Amino acid sequence: MAATVAHLERCLLDVSHWMSANRLKLISDNTELLWAGSTYSQSLMGSRGLSLQLDSDTIMASDHVHVLGVTFSCDLSLDKHVSTVCAQSFFWRR
C-alpha cells in the first residue's frame, strides 16, 4: 500500500508541476481523495484510508466525493447520491 501512496503522490506532484507550467494552480483545499474498493480492502486501510502529501499540504481521504454533481462513496454504492438527490427534490417540491 505504501508503494501505491508514493506513486500517487508522484503523479499528484507531476500534475501540480504541469499546472504551474500552464499558469494554473492546484488548490489542495479543493482536492478530494477517495479510496474506493470492496468492504474487505476498505477494512485493510482503516476507517478513513491513507492520506496523500502535496508539498506541505496533506490531503485526507474522504468517505465520499462529489464529481460533476454525482456523489461517489468509498464502497462504490450510490446510496449517498440517491439520498442527496431525493432530499433536494423534496425541498423543491414544497
PDB file of N, CA and C in Angstrom:
ATOM      1  N   MET A   1       0.830  -1.194   0.000  1.00  0.00           N
ATOM      2  CA  MET A   1       0.000   0.000   0.000  1.00  0.00           C
ATOM      3  C   MET A   1       0.873   1.255   0.000  1.00  0.00           C
ATOM      4  N   ALA A   2       2.010   1.202   0.677  1.00  0.00           N
ATOM      5  CA  ALA A   2       2.893   2.371   0.733  1.00  0.00           C
ATOM      6  C   ALA A   2       3.414   2.720  -0.657  1.00  0.00           C
ATOM      7  N   ALA A   3       3.662   1.707  -1.481  1.00  0.00           N
ATOM      8  CA  ALA A   3       4.135   1.952  -2.847  1.00  0.00           C
ATOM      9  C   ALA A   3       3.048   2.653  -3.665  1.00  0.00           C
ATOM     10  N   THR A   4       1.806   2.281  -3.452  1.00  0.00           N
ATOM     11  CA  THR A   4       0.687   2.922  -4.153  1.00  0.00           C
ATOM     12  C   THR A   4       0.564   4.384  -3.749  1.00  0.00           C
ATOM     13  N   VAL A   5       0.684   4.655  -2.467  1.00  0.00           N
ATOM     14  CA  VAL A   5       0.609   6.031  -1.970  1.00  0.00           C
ATOM     15  C   VAL A   5       1.751   6.860  -2.549  1.00  0.00           C
ATOM     16  N   ALA A   6       2.964   6.317  -2.549  1.00  0.00           N
ATOM     17  CA  ALA A   6       4.115   7.040  -3.102  1.00  0.00           C
ATOM     18  C   ALA A   6       3.932   7.314  -4.586  1.00  0.00           C
ATOM     19  N   HIS A   7       3.400   6.348  -5.318  1.00  0.00           N
ATOM     20  CA  HIS A   7       3.167   6.531  -6.757  1.00  0.00           C
ATOM     21  C   HIS A   7       2.115   7.626  -7.003  1.00  0.00           C
ATOM     22  N   LEU A   8       1.039   7.604  -6.234  1.00  0.00           N
ATOM     23  CA  LEU A   8       0.002   8.637  -6.379  1.00  0.00           C
ATOM     24  C   LEU A   8       0.531  10.015  -6.012  1.00  0.00           C
ATOM     25  N   GLU A   9       1.384  10.091  -4.997  1.00  0.00           N
ATOM     26  CA  GLU A   9       1.965  11.381  -4.625  1.00  0.00           C
ATOM     27  C   GLU A   9       2.861  11.916  -5.741  1.00  0.00           C
ATOM     28  N   ARG A  10       3.626  11.039  -6.403  1.00  0.00           N
ATOM     29  CA  ARG A  10       4.445  11.482  -7.543  1.00  0.00           C
ATOM     30  C   ARG A  10       3.566  11.962  -8.689  1.00  0.00           C
ATOM     31  N   CYS A  11       2.475  11.242  -8.962  1.00  0.00           N
ATOM     32  CA  CYS A  11       1.547  11.670 -10.016  1.00  0.00           C
ATOM     33  C   CYS A  11       0.921  13.019  -9.682  1.00  0.00           C
ATOM     34  N   LEU A  12       0.538  13.190  -8.444  1.00  0.00           N
ATOM     35  CA  LEU A  12      -0.057  14.447  -7.997  1.00  0.00           C
ATOM     36  C   LEU A  12       0.934  15.593  -8.117  1.00  0.00           C
ATOM     37  N   LEU A  13       2.183  15.332  -7.796  1.00  0.00           N
ATOM     38  CA  LEU A  13       3.233  16.341  -7.936  1.00  0.00           C
ATOM     39  C   LEU A  13       3.465  16.684  -9.405  1.00  0.00           C
ATOM     40  N   ASP A  14       3.442  15.676 -10.292  1.00  0.00           N
ATOM     41  CA  ASP A  14       3.572  15.915 -11.733  1.00  0.00           C
ATOM     42  C   ASP A  14       2.425  16.768 -12.261  1.00  0.00           C
ATOM     43  N   VAL A  15       1.216  16.479 -11.810  1.00  0.00           N
ATOM     44  CA  VAL A  15       0.052  17.276 -12.223  1.00  0.00           C
ATOM     45  C   VAL A  15       0.200  18.709 -11.739  1.00  0.00           C
ATOM     46  N   SER A  16       0.653  18.868 -10.503  1.00  0.00           N
ATOM     47  CA  SER A  16       0.862  20.206  -9.949  1.00  0.00           C
ATOM     48  C   SER A  16       1.904  20.984 -10.748  1.00  0.00           C
ATOM     49  N   HIS A  17       3.008  20.333 -11.112  1.00  0.00           N
ATOM     50  CA  HIS A  17       4.045  20.997 -11.914  1.00  0.00           C
ATOM     51  C   HIS A  17       3.524  21.356 -13.306  1.00  0.00           C
ATOM     52  N   TRP A  18       2.764  20.457 -13.921  1.00  0.00           N
ATOM     53  CA  TRP A  18       2.190  20.741 -15.239  1.00  0.00           C
ATOM     54  C   TRP A  18       1.254  21.942 -15.150  1.00  0.00           C
ATOM     55  N   MET A  19       0.432  21.968 -14.097  1.00  0.00           N
ATOM     56  CA  MET A  19      -0.496  23.088 -13.938  1.00  0.00           C
ATOM     57  C   MET A  19       0.262  24.394 -13.749  1.00  0.00           C
ATOM     58  N   SER A  20       1.323  24.377 -12.956  1.00  0.00           N
ATOM     59  CA  SER A  20       2.135  25.587 -12.749  1.00  0.00           C
ATOM     60  C   SER A  20       2.763  26.060 -14.049  1.00  0.00           C
ATOM     61  N   ALA A  21       3.225  25.122 -14.869  1.00  0.00           N
ATOM     62  CA  ALA A  21       3.826  25.482 -16.157  1.00  0.00           C
ATOM     63  C   ALA A  21       2.808  26.104 -17.101  1.00  0.00           C
ATOM     64  N   ASN A  22       1.534  25.809 -16.884  1.00  0.00           N
ATOM     65  CA  ASN A  22       0.463  26.342 -17.717  1.00  0.00           C
ATOM     66  C   ASN A  22      -0.335  27.426 -17.006  1.00  0.00           C
ATOM     67  N   ARG A  23       0.309  28.056 -16.020  1.00  0.00           N
ATOM     68  CA  ARG A  23      -0.270  29.178 -15.274  1.00  0.00           C
ATOM     69  C   ARG A  23      -1.573  28.819 -14.555  1.00  0.00           C
ATOM     70  N   LEU A  24      -1.610  27.612 -14.040  1.00  0.00           N
ATOM     71  CA  LEU A  24      -2.746  27.143 -13.254  1.00  0.00           C
ATOM     72  C   LEU A  24      -2.234  26.762 -11.880  1.00  0.00           C
ATOM     73  N   LYS A  25      -3.140  26.614 -10.930  1.00  0.00           N
ATOM     74  CA  LYS A  25      -2.729  26.257  -9.580  1.00  0.00           C
ATOM     75  C   LYS A  25      -3.618  25.134  -9.073  1.00  0.00           C
ATOM     76  N   LEU A  26      -2.983  24.108  -8.565  1.00  0.00           N
ATOM     77  CA  LEU A  26      -3.708  23.012  -7.928  1.00  0.00           C
ATOM     78  C   LEU A  26      -3.988  23.420  -6.485  1.00  0.00           C
ATOM     79  N   ILE A  27      -5.245  23.608  -6.162  1.00  0.00           N
ATOM     80  CA  ILE A  27      -5.636  24.068  -4.838  1.00  0.00           C
ATOM     81  C   ILE A  27      -5.921  22.848  -3.976  1.00  0.00           C
ATOM     82  N   SER A  28      -5.073  22.628  -2.993  1.00  0.00           N
ATOM     83  CA  SER A  28      -5.199  21.416  -2.174  1.00  0.00           C
ATOM     84  C   SER A  28      -6.494  21.408  -1.350  1.00  0.00           C
ATOM     85  N   ASP A  29      -7.015  22.588  -1.007  1.00  0.00           N
ATOM     86  CA  ASP A  29      -8.283  22.634  -0.259  1.00  0.00           C
ATOM     87  C   ASP A  29      -9.447  22.114  -1.088  1.00  0.00           C
ATOM     88  N   ASN A  30      -9.349  22.211  -2.412  1.00  0.00           N
ATOM     89  CA  ASN A  30     -10.410  21.743  -3.300  1.00  0.00           C
ATOM     90  C   ASN A  30     -10.140  20.345  -3.845  1.00  0.00           C
ATOM     91  N   THR A  31      -9.044  19.740  -3.446  1.00  0.00           N
ATOM     92  CA  THR A  31      -8.673  18.418  -3.934  1.00  0.00           C
ATOM     93  C   THR A  31      -9.229  17.373  -2.986  1.00  0.00           C
ATOM     94  N   GLU A  32      -9.961  16.414  -3.547  1.00  0.00           N
ATOM     95  CA  GLU A  32     -10.585  15.376  -2.742  1.00  0.00           C
ATOM     96  C   GLU A  32      -9.938  14.027  -3.055  1.00  0.00           C
ATOM     97  N   LEU A  33      -9.847  13.173  -2.059  1.00  0.00           N
ATOM     98  CA  LEU A  33      -9.253  11.855  -2.203  1.00  0.00           C
ATOM     99  C   LEU A  33     -10.247  10.804  -1.758  1.00  0.00           C
ATOM    100  N   LEU A  34     -10.462   9.818  -2.605  1.00  0.00           N
ATOM    101  CA  LEU A  34     -11.384   8.725  -2.297  1.00  0.00           C
ATOM    102  C   LEU A  34     -10.674   7.410  -2.571  1.00  0.00           C
ATOM    103  N   TRP A  35     -10.533   6.588  -1.546  1.00  0.00           N
ATOM    104  CA  TRP A  35     -10.015   5.232  -1.717  1.00  0.00           C
ATOM    105  C   TRP A  35     -11.234   4.341  -1.889  1.00  0.00           C
ATOM    106  N   ALA A  36     -11.444   3.834  -3.085  1.00  0.00           N
ATOM    107  CA  ALA A  36     -12.619   3.025  -3.383  1.00  0.00           C
ATOM    108  C   ALA A  36     -12.227   1.558  -3.489  1.00  0.00           C
ATOM    109  N   GLY A  37     -13.130   0.711  -3.059  1.00  0.00           N
ATOM    110  CA  GLY A  37     -12.879  -0.719  -3.165  1.00  0.00           C
ATOM    111  C   GLY A  37     -13.911  -1.520  -2.402  1.00  0.00           C
ATOM    112  N   SER A  38     -13.631  -2.806  -2.304  1.00  0.00           N
ATOM    113  CA  SER A  38     -14.548  -3.709  -1.621  1.00  0.00           C
ATOM    114  C   SER A  38     -14.515  -3.456  -0.117  1.00  0.00           C
ATOM    115  N   THR A  39     -15.455  -4.040   0.575  1.00  0.00           N
ATOM    116  CA  THR A  39     -15.502  -3.908   2.028  1.00  0.00           C
ATOM    117  C   THR A  39     -14.229  -4.463   2.656  1.00  0.00           C
ATOM    118  N   TYR A  40     -13.724  -5.554   2.089  1.00  0.00           N
ATOM    119  CA  TYR A  40     -12.508  -6.170   2.613  1.00  0.00           C
ATOM    120  C   TYR A  40     -11.307  -5.236   2.442  1.00  0.00           C
ATOM    121  N   SER A  41     -11.145  -4.678   1.252  1.00  0.00           N
ATOM    122  CA  SER A  41      -9.998  -3.790   1.028  1.00  0.00           C
ATOM    123  C   SER A  41     -10.116  -2.513   1.849  1.00  0.00           C
ATOM    124  N   GLN A  42     -11.329  -2.037   2.076  1.00  0.00           N
ATOM    125  CA  GLN A  42     -11.535  -0.870   2.923  1.00  0.00           C
ATOM    126  C   GLN A  42     -11.140  -1.173   4.361  1.00  0.00           C
ATOM    127  N   SER A  43     -11.432  -2.384   4.828  1.00  0.00           N
ATOM    128  CA  SER A  43     -11.088  -2.748   6.204  1.00  0.00           C
ATOM    129  C   SER A  43      -9.575  -2.845   6.388  1.00  0.00           C
ATOM    130  N   LEU A  44      -8.846  -3.191   5.337  1.00  0.00           N
ATOM    131  CA  LEU A  44      -7.386  -3.267   5.429  1.00  0.00           C
ATOM    132  C   LEU A  44      -6.757  -1.885   5.603  1.00  0.00           C
ATOM    133  N   MET A  45      -7.377  -0.855   5.033  1.00  0.00           N
ATOM    134  CA  MET A  45      -6.832   0.501   5.099  1.00  0.00           C
ATOM    135  C   MET A  45      -7.264   1.252   6.343  1.00  0.00           C
ATOM    136  N   GLY A  46      -8.249   0.771   7.041  1.00  0.00           N
ATOM    137  CA  GLY A  46      -8.759   1.504   8.192  1.00  0.00           C
ATOM    138  C   GLY A  46     -10.005   2.262   7.804  1.00  0.00           C
ATOM    139  N   SER A  47     -10.539   3.004   8.747  1.00  0.00           N
ATOM    140  CA  SER A  47     -11.831   3.655   8.517  1.00  0.00           C
ATOM    141  C   SER A  47     -11.761   4.779   7.488  1.00  0.00           C
ATOM    142  N   ARG A  48     -10.668   5.541   7.460  1.00  0.00           N
ATOM    143  CA  ARG A  48     -10.598   6.679   6.546  1.00  0.00           C
ATOM    144  C   ARG A  48      -9.570   6.494   5.431  1.00  0.00           C
ATOM    145  N   GLY A  49      -8.872   5.389   5.399  1.00  0.00           N
ATOM    146  CA  GLY A  49      -7.869   5.191   4.368  1.00  0.00           C
ATOM    147  C   GLY A  49      -6.612   5.984   4.665  1.00  0.00           C
ATOM    148  N   LEU A  50      -5.745   6.060   3.700  1.00  0.00           N
ATOM    149  CA  LEU A  50      -4.472   6.743   3.847  1.00  0.00           C
ATOM    150  C   LEU A  50      -4.548   8.140   3.247  1.00  0.00           C
ATOM    151  N   SER A  51      -3.706   9.035   3.709  1.00  0.00           N
ATOM    152  CA  SER A  51      -3.678  10.399   3.176  1.00  0.00           C
ATOM    153  C   SER A  51      -2.535  10.543   2.186  1.00  0.00           C
ATOM    154  N   LEU A  52      -2.595  11.597   1.371  1.00  0.00           N
ATOM    155  CA  LEU A  52      -1.538  11.913   0.411  1.00  0.00           C
ATOM    156  C   LEU A  52      -0.910  13.244   0.790  1.00  0.00           C
ATOM    157  N   GLN A  53       0.347  13.398   0.466  1.00  0.00           N
ATOM    158  CA  GLN A  53       1.082  14.627   0.754  1.00  0.00           C
ATOM    159  C   GLN A  53       1.285  15.395  -0.552  1.00  0.00           C
ATOM    160  N   LEU A  54       0.886  16.653  -0.589  1.00  0.00           N
ATOM    161  CA  LEU A  54       1.100  17.538  -1.734  1.00  0.00           C
ATOM    162  C   LEU A  54       1.877  18.742  -1.227  1.00  0.00           C
ATOM    163  N   ASP A  55       3.176  18.763  -1.517  1.00  0.00           N
ATOM    164  CA  ASP A  55       4.091  19.768  -0.968  1.00  0.00           C
ATOM    165  C   ASP A  55       3.966  19.767   0.556  1.00  0.00           C
ATOM    166  N   SER A  56       3.517  20.866   1.136  1.00  0.00           N
ATOM    167  CA  SER A  56       3.386  20.917   2.596  1.00  0.00           C
ATOM    168  C   SER A  56       1.968  20.615   3.065  1.00  0.00           C
ATOM    169  N   ASP A  57       1.063  20.349   2.135  1.00  0.00           N
ATOM    170  CA  ASP A  57      -0.335  20.088   2.475  1.00  0.00           C
ATOM    171  C   ASP A  57      -0.615  18.591   2.502  1.00  0.00           C
ATOM    172  N   THR A  58      -1.507  18.198   3.375  1.00  0.00           N
ATOM    173  CA  THR A  58      -1.943  16.807   3.472  1.00  0.00           C
ATOM    174  C   THR A  58      -3.370  16.710   2.963  1.00  0.00           C
ATOM    175  N   ILE A  59      -3.602  15.797   2.045  1.00  0.00           N
ATOM    176  CA  ILE A  59      -4.941  15.573   1.507  1.00  0.00           C
ATOM    177  C   ILE A  59      -5.486  14.324   2.183  1.00  0.00           C
ATOM    178  N   MET A  60      -6.514  14.518   2.984  1.00  0.00           N
ATOM    179  CA  MET A  60      -7.103  13.417   3.747  1.00  0.00           C
ATOM    180  C   MET A  60      -8.146  12.693   2.906  1.00  0.00           C
ATOM    181  N   ALA A  61      -8.251  11.402   3.119  1.00  0.00           N
ATOM    182  CA  ALA A  61      -9.255  10.605   2.412  1.00  0.00           C
ATOM    183  C   ALA A  61     -10.638  10.927   2.957  1.00  0.00           C
ATOM    184  N   SER A  62     -11.618  10.793   2.100  1.00  0.00           N
ATOM    185  CA  SER A  62     -12.997  11.077   2.473  1.00  0.00           C
ATOM    186  C   SER A  62     -13.852   9.836   2.231  1.00  0.00           C
ATOM    187  N   ASP A  63     -14.995   9.768   2.895  1.00  0.00           N
ATOM    188  CA  ASP A  63     -15.920   8.658   2.684  1.00  0.00           C
ATOM    189  C   ASP A  63     -16.670   8.790   1.367  1.00  0.00           C
ATOM    190  N   HIS A  64     -16.807  10.026   0.880  1.00  0.00           N
ATOM    191  CA  HIS A  64     -17.488  10.265  -0.391  1.00  0.00           C
ATOM    192  C   HIS A  64     -16.963  11.564  -1.001  1.00  0.00           C
ATOM    193  N   VAL A  65     -17.026  11.645  -2.321  1.00  0.00           N
ATOM    194  CA  VAL A  65     -16.603  12.841  -3.043  1.00  0.00           C
ATOM    195  C   VAL A  65     -17.674  13.198  -4.071  1.00  0.00           C
ATOM    196  N   HIS A  66     -17.673  14.466  -4.476  1.00  0.00           N
ATOM    197  CA  HIS A  66     -18.629  14.966  -5.468  1.00  0.00           C
ATOM    198  C   HIS A  66     -17.884  15.259  -6.766  1.00  0.00           C
ATOM    199  N   VAL A  67     -18.318  14.627  -7.851  1.00  0.00           N
ATOM    200  CA  VAL A  67     -17.714  14.835  -9.161  1.00  0.00           C
ATOM    201  C   VAL A  67     -18.840  15.124 -10.151  1.00  0.00           C
ATOM    202  N   LEU A  68     -18.850  16.341 -10.688  1.00  0.00           N
ATOM    203  CA  LEU A  68     -19.848  16.743 -11.682  1.00  0.00           C
ATOM    204  C   LEU A  68     -21.279  16.444 -11.222  1.00  0.00           C
ATOM    205  N   GLY A  69     -21.558  16.712  -9.955  1.00  0.00           N
ATOM    206  CA  GLY A  69     -22.907  16.555  -9.433  1.00  0.00           C
ATOM    207  C   GLY A  69     -23.260  15.157  -8.968  1.00  0.00           C
ATOM    208  N   VAL A  70     -22.344  14.215  -9.086  1.00  0.00           N
ATOM    209  CA  VAL A  70     -22.599  12.850  -8.648  1.00  0.00           C
ATOM    210  C   VAL A  70     -21.756  12.586  -7.402  1.00  0.00           C
ATOM    211  N   THR A  71     -22.362  11.979  -6.393  1.00  0.00           N
ATOM    212  CA  THR A  71     -21.659  11.647  -5.166  1.00  0.00           C
ATOM    213  C   THR A  71     -21.209  10.198  -5.232  1.00  0.00           C
ATOM    214  N   PHE A  72     -19.893   9.992  -5.137  1.00  0.00           N
ATOM    215  CA  PHE A  72     -19.321   8.658  -5.136  1.00  0.00           C
ATOM    216  C   PHE A  72     -18.907   8.303  -3.711  1.00  0.00           C
ATOM    217  N   SER A  73     -19.270   7.103  -3.271  1.00  0.00           N
ATOM    218  CA  SER A  73     -18.903   6.623  -1.944  1.00  0.00           C
ATOM    219  C   SER A  73     -17.722   5.680  -2.048  1.00  0.00           C
ATOM    220  N   CYS A  74     -17.023   5.484  -0.929  1.00  0.00           N
ATOM    221  CA  CYS A  74     -15.836   4.635  -0.928  1.00  0.00           C
ATOM    222  C   CYS A  74     -16.167   3.174  -1.227  1.00  0.00           C
ATOM    223  N   ASP A  75     -17.404   2.752  -0.988  1.00  0.00           N
ATOM    224  CA  ASP A  75     -17.795   1.382  -1.316  1.00  0.00           C
ATOM    225  C   ASP A  75     -18.425   1.283  -2.708  1.00  0.00           C
ATOM    226  N   LEU A  76     -18.357   2.386  -3.459  1.00  0.00           N
ATOM    227  CA  LEU A  76     -18.870   2.491  -4.832  1.00  0.00           C
ATOM    228  C   LEU A  76     -20.383   2.306  -4.939  1.00  0.00           C
ATOM    229  N   SER A  77     -21.094   2.494  -3.840  1.00  0.00           N
ATOM    230  CA  SER A  77     -22.553   2.452  -3.897  1.00  0.00           C
ATOM    231  C   SER A  77     -23.058   3.861  -4.196  1.00  0.00           C
ATOM    232  N   LEU A  78     -24.283   3.938  -4.629  1.00  0.00           N
ATOM    233  CA  LEU A  78     -24.891   5.232  -4.939  1.00  0.00           C
ATOM    234  C   LEU A  78     -25.875   5.674  -3.856  1.00  0.00           C
ATOM    235  N   ASP A  79     -25.806   5.047  -2.692  1.00  0.00           N
ATOM    236  CA  ASP A  79     -26.744   5.364  -1.613  1.00  0.00           C
ATOM    237  C   ASP A  79     -26.696   6.832  -1.220  1.00  0.00           C
ATOM    238  N   LYS A  80     -25.507   7.372  -1.016  1.00  0.00           N
ATOM    239  CA  LYS A  80     -25.349   8.782  -0.621  1.00  0.00           C
ATOM    240  C   LYS A  80     -25.873   9.700  -1.722  1.00  0.00           C
ATOM    241  N   HIS A  81     -25.572   9.380  -2.989  1.00  0.00           N
ATOM    242  CA  HIS A  81     -26.031  10.202  -4.110  1.00  0.00           C
ATOM    243  C   HIS A  81     -27.560  10.197  -4.190  1.00  0.00           C
ATOM    244  N   VAL A  82     -28.161   9.023  -4.079  1.00  0.00           N
ATOM    245  CA  VAL A  82     -29.618   8.909  -4.172  1.00  0.00           C
ATOM    246  C   VAL A  82     -30.288   9.679  -3.038  1.00  0.00           C
ATOM    247  N   SER A  83     -29.765   9.552  -1.827  1.00  0.00           N
ATOM    248  CA  SER A  83     -30.383  10.276  -0.708  1.00  0.00           C
ATOM    249  C   SER A  83     -30.219  11.785  -0.867  1.00  0.00           C
ATOM    250  N   THR A  84     -29.093  12.240  -1.423  1.00  0.00           N
ATOM    251  CA  THR A  84     -28.888  13.672  -1.661  1.00  0.00           C
ATOM    252  C   THR A  84     -29.860  14.191  -2.713  1.00  0.00           C
ATOM    253  N   VAL A  85     -30.010  13.451  -3.801  1.00  0.00           N
ATOM    254  CA  VAL A  85     -30.932  13.865  -4.872  1.00  0.00           C
ATOM    255  C   VAL A  85     -32.370  13.867  -4.373  1.00  0.00           C
ATOM    256  N   CYS A  86     -32.741  12.854  -3.612  1.00  0.00           N
ATOM    257  CA  CYS A  86     -34.106  12.793  -3.073  1.00  0.00           C
ATOM    258  C   CYS A  86     -34.374  13.948  -2.114  1.00  0.00           C
ATOM    259  N   ALA A  87     -33.390  14.280  -1.286  1.00  0.00           N
ATOM    260  CA  ALA A  87     -33.563  15.389  -0.347  1.00  0.00           C
ATOM    261  C   ALA A  87     -33.722  16.706  -1.092  1.00  0.00           C
ATOM    262  N   GLN A  88     -32.967  16.892  -2.173  1.00  0.00           N
ATOM    263  CA  GLN A  88     -33.075  18.127  -2.954  1.00  0.00           C
ATOM    264  C   GLN A  88     -34.407  18.205  -3.678  1.00  0.00           C
ATOM    265  N   SER A  89     -34.875  17.095  -4.215  1.00  0.00           N
ATOM    266  CA  SER A  89     -36.146  17.124  -4.943  1.00  0.00           C
ATOM    267  C   SER A  89     -37.304  17.330  -3.975  1.00  0.00           C
ATOM    268  N   PHE A  90     -37.213  16.812  -2.768  1.00  0.00           N
ATOM    269  CA  PHE A  90     -38.248  17.037  -1.773  1.00  0.00           C
ATOM    270  C   PHE A  90     -38.306  18.510  -1.401  1.00  0.00           C
ATOM    271  N   PHE A  91     -37.137  19.139  -1.274  1.00  0.00           N
ATOM    272  CA  PHE A  91     -37.066  20.560  -0.936  1.00  0.00           C
ATOM    273  C   PHE A  91     -37.725  21.406  -2.025  1.00  0.00           C
ATOM    274  N   TRP A  92     -37.487  21.092  -3.277  1.00  0.00           N
ATOM    275  CA  TRP A  92     -38.014  21.886  -4.388  1.00  0.00           C
ATOM    276  C   TRP A  92     -39.492  21.678  -4.611  1.00  0.00           C
ATOM    277  N   ARG A  93     -40.061  20.581  -4.152  1.00  0.00           N
ATOM    278  CA  ARG A  93     -41.479  20.304  -4.378  1.00  0.00           C
ATOM    279  C   ARG A  93     -42.382  21.128  -3.472  1.00  0.00           C
ATOM    280  N   ARG A  94     -41.865  21.664  -2.402  1.00  0.00           N
ATOM    281  CA  ARG A  94     -42.711  22.410  -1.465  1.00  0.00           C
ATOM    282  C   ARG A  94     -43.249  23.647  -2.047  1.00  0.00           C
TER     283      ARG A  94
END
